[in-house]
Amino acid sequence: MSHTYTIEQDTHAVRIFQDGSEVASIFQPDYPNTAPWGNAEAASTWAELYIASVEDENAPYAPAGPGILGEAKPTPEEIEEMKAQRQLENQTP
C-alpha cells in the first residue's frame, strides 16, 4: 500500500494518506516528542521517513524528534522473545 503526504504551509503539520484516500490516516502537528517542526523541509523529511517505515519492513521507525535517529524495528527473533517474556509475566503463580 502506498502513501502520500501533505505539509501545511503555515504550521508545517504533516498529513499522511493511504493511496486513494482523501482522509488522512496520520495527522502530525509536530514531532512525536512534541518538538516543533523547524521548517517545512524537516516536516517533509519526517513524513518520508515515516512512510518508508510503514512500507519497508527493514526501514527504521521515523525519528521521535529533531537530531534523533529513527529506532530499528525489532527482528522476528526479538519479537518472539518479547512474546515469551510477556507470557511469563502474565502467568499467575
C-alpha atoms as a PDB file:
ATOM      1  CA  MET A   1       0.000   0.000   0.000  1.00  0.00           C
ATOM      2  CA  SER A   2       1.470   3.344  -0.939  1.00  0.00           C
ATOM      3  CA  HIS A   3       1.136   6.584   0.928  1.00  0.00           C
ATOM      4  CA  THR A   4       1.288  10.280   0.135  1.00  0.00           C
ATOM      5  CA  TYR A   5       1.604  13.294   2.387  1.00  0.00           C
ATOM      6  CA  THR A   6       0.911  16.994   2.565  1.00  0.00           C
ATOM      7  CA  ILE A   7       2.569  19.709   4.619  1.00  0.00           C
ATOM      8  CA  GLU A   8       0.518  22.690   5.843  1.00  0.00           C
ATOM      9  CA  GLN A   9       2.053  25.923   4.632  1.00  0.00           C
ATOM     10  CA  ASP A  10       1.884  27.923   7.879  1.00  0.00           C
ATOM     11  CA  THR A  11       2.227  25.266  10.597  1.00  0.00           C
ATOM     12  CA  HIS A  12       4.159  22.581   8.686  1.00  0.00           C
ATOM     13  CA  ALA A  13       1.739  19.989  10.108  1.00  0.00           C
ATOM     14  CA  VAL A  14       2.007  16.652   8.324  1.00  0.00           C
ATOM     15  CA  ARG A  15      -0.946  14.706   6.969  1.00  0.00           C
ATOM     16  CA  ILE A  16      -0.301  11.216   5.629  1.00  0.00           C
ATOM     17  CA  PHE A  17      -2.804   9.488   3.378  1.00  0.00           C
ATOM     18  CA  GLN A  18      -3.183   5.901   2.276  1.00  0.00           C
ATOM     19  CA  ASP A  19      -3.266   5.722  -1.504  1.00  0.00           C
ATOM     20  CA  GLY A  20      -6.690   6.663  -2.817  1.00  0.00           C
ATOM     21  CA  SER A  21      -7.990   8.087   0.472  1.00  0.00           C
ATOM     22  CA  GLU A  22      -8.980  11.698   0.951  1.00  0.00           C
ATOM     23  CA  VAL A  23      -8.923  11.313   4.747  1.00  0.00           C
ATOM     24  CA  ALA A  24      -5.536  11.466   6.461  1.00  0.00           C
ATOM     25  CA  SER A  25      -4.607   8.362   8.433  1.00  0.00           C
ATOM     26  CA  ILE A  26      -1.944  10.363  10.324  1.00  0.00           C
ATOM     27  CA  PHE A  27      -2.026  13.977  11.450  1.00  0.00           C
ATOM     28  CA  GLN A  28       1.289  15.036  12.964  1.00  0.00           C
ATOM     29  CA  PRO A  29       1.348  18.717  14.001  1.00  0.00           C
ATOM     30  CA  ASP A  30       4.918  18.387  15.311  1.00  0.00           C
ATOM     31  CA  TYR A  31       7.492  15.693  16.038  1.00  0.00           C
ATOM     32  CA  PRO A  32       6.198  12.770  18.125  1.00  0.00           C
ATOM     33  CA  ASN A  33       8.121  14.123  21.139  1.00  0.00           C
ATOM     34  CA  THR A  34       6.202  17.430  20.649  1.00  0.00           C
ATOM     35  CA  ALA A  35       9.235  19.378  19.409  1.00  0.00           C
ATOM     36  CA  PRO A  36       8.048  21.789  16.710  1.00  0.00           C
ATOM     37  CA  TRP A  37       8.951  21.301  13.088  1.00  0.00           C
ATOM     38  CA  GLY A  38      11.745  23.729  12.376  1.00  0.00           C
ATOM     39  CA  ASN A  39      10.534  24.230   8.832  1.00  0.00           C
ATOM     40  CA  ALA A  40       8.627  22.546   6.016  1.00  0.00           C
ATOM     41  CA  GLU A  41      11.733  20.621   4.971  1.00  0.00           C
ATOM     42  CA  ALA A  42      12.031  18.962   8.407  1.00  0.00           C
ATOM     43  CA  ALA A  43       8.351  18.015   8.322  1.00  0.00           C
ATOM     44  CA  SER A  44       8.712  16.631   4.805  1.00  0.00           C
ATOM     45  CA  THR A  45      11.790  14.595   5.728  1.00  0.00           C
ATOM     46  CA  TRP A  46       9.963  13.129   8.739  1.00  0.00           C
ATOM     47  CA  ALA A  47       6.922  12.274   6.578  1.00  0.00           C
ATOM     48  CA  GLU A  48       9.116  10.474   4.048  1.00  0.00           C
ATOM     49  CA  LEU A  49      10.877   8.531   6.811  1.00  0.00           C
ATOM     50  CA  TYR A  50       7.531   7.634   8.387  1.00  0.00           C
ATOM     51  CA  ILE A  51       6.170   6.379   5.060  1.00  0.00           C
ATOM     52  CA  ALA A  52       9.344   4.355   4.463  1.00  0.00           C
ATOM     53  CA  SER A  53       8.938   2.766   7.908  1.00  0.00           C
ATOM     54  CA  VAL A  54       5.385   1.699   7.045  1.00  0.00           C
ATOM     55  CA  GLU A  55       6.107   0.475   3.533  1.00  0.00           C
ATOM     56  CA  ASP A  56       9.503  -1.180   4.126  1.00  0.00           C
ATOM     57  CA  GLU A  57       9.757  -3.732   6.921  1.00  0.00           C
ATOM     58  CA  ASN A  58      13.517  -3.151   7.112  1.00  0.00           C
ATOM     59  CA  ALA A  59      13.345   0.641   7.398  1.00  0.00           C
ATOM     60  CA  PRO A  60      13.742   2.130  10.886  1.00  0.00           C
ATOM     61  CA  TYR A  61      10.911   3.987  12.590  1.00  0.00           C
ATOM     62  CA  ALA A  62      10.723   7.721  11.885  1.00  0.00           C
ATOM     63  CA  PRO A  63      12.638   9.761  14.479  1.00  0.00           C
ATOM     64  CA  ALA A  64      10.851  10.995  17.604  1.00  0.00           C
ATOM     65  CA  GLY A  65      12.399  14.445  17.396  1.00  0.00           C
ATOM     66  CA  PRO A  66      14.969  16.651  15.719  1.00  0.00           C
ATOM     67  CA  GLY A  67      18.514  15.331  15.862  1.00  0.00           C
ATOM     68  CA  ILE A  68      17.301  11.873  16.920  1.00  0.00           C
ATOM     69  CA  LEU A  69      17.888   8.816  14.760  1.00  0.00           C
ATOM     70  CA  GLY A  70      14.985   6.521  13.953  1.00  0.00           C
ATOM     71  CA  GLU A  71      14.976   3.336  16.019  1.00  0.00           C
ATOM     72  CA  ALA A  72      15.477  -0.010  14.322  1.00  0.00           C
ATOM     73  CA  LYS A  73      12.449  -2.279  14.231  1.00  0.00           C
ATOM     74  CA  PRO A  74      12.708  -5.451  16.280  1.00  0.00           C
ATOM     75  CA  THR A  75      13.800  -8.573  14.445  1.00  0.00           C
ATOM     76  CA  PRO A  76      11.456 -11.582  14.259  1.00  0.00           C
ATOM     77  CA  GLU A  77      13.621 -13.246  16.926  1.00  0.00           C
ATOM     78  CA  GLU A  78      13.321 -10.224  19.220  1.00  0.00           C
ATOM     79  CA  ILE A  79       9.546 -10.212  18.745  1.00  0.00           C
ATOM     80  CA  GLU A  80       9.328 -13.882  19.714  1.00  0.00           C
ATOM     81  CA  GLU A  81      11.482 -13.193  22.771  1.00  0.00           C
ATOM     82  CA  MET A  82       9.205 -10.305  23.795  1.00  0.00           C
ATOM     83  CA  LYS A  83       6.134 -12.531  23.373  1.00  0.00           C
ATOM     84  CA  ALA A  84       7.703 -15.253  25.512  1.00  0.00           C
ATOM     85  CA  GLN A  85       8.623 -12.705  28.189  1.00  0.00           C
ATOM     86  CA  ARG A  86       5.092 -11.313  28.184  1.00  0.00           C
ATOM     87  CA  GLN A  87       3.655 -14.806  28.595  1.00  0.00           C
ATOM     88  CA  LEU A  88       5.931 -15.402  31.592  1.00  0.00           C
ATOM     89  CA  GLU A  89       4.870 -12.115  33.150  1.00  0.00           C
ATOM     90  CA  ASN A  90       1.175 -12.916  32.660  1.00  0.00           C
ATOM     91  CA  GLN A  91       1.345 -16.338  34.284  1.00  0.00           C
ATOM     92  CA  THR A  92      -0.162 -16.443  37.735  1.00  0.00           C
ATOM     93  CA  PRO A  93       1.710 -18.294  40.472  1.00  0.00           C
END
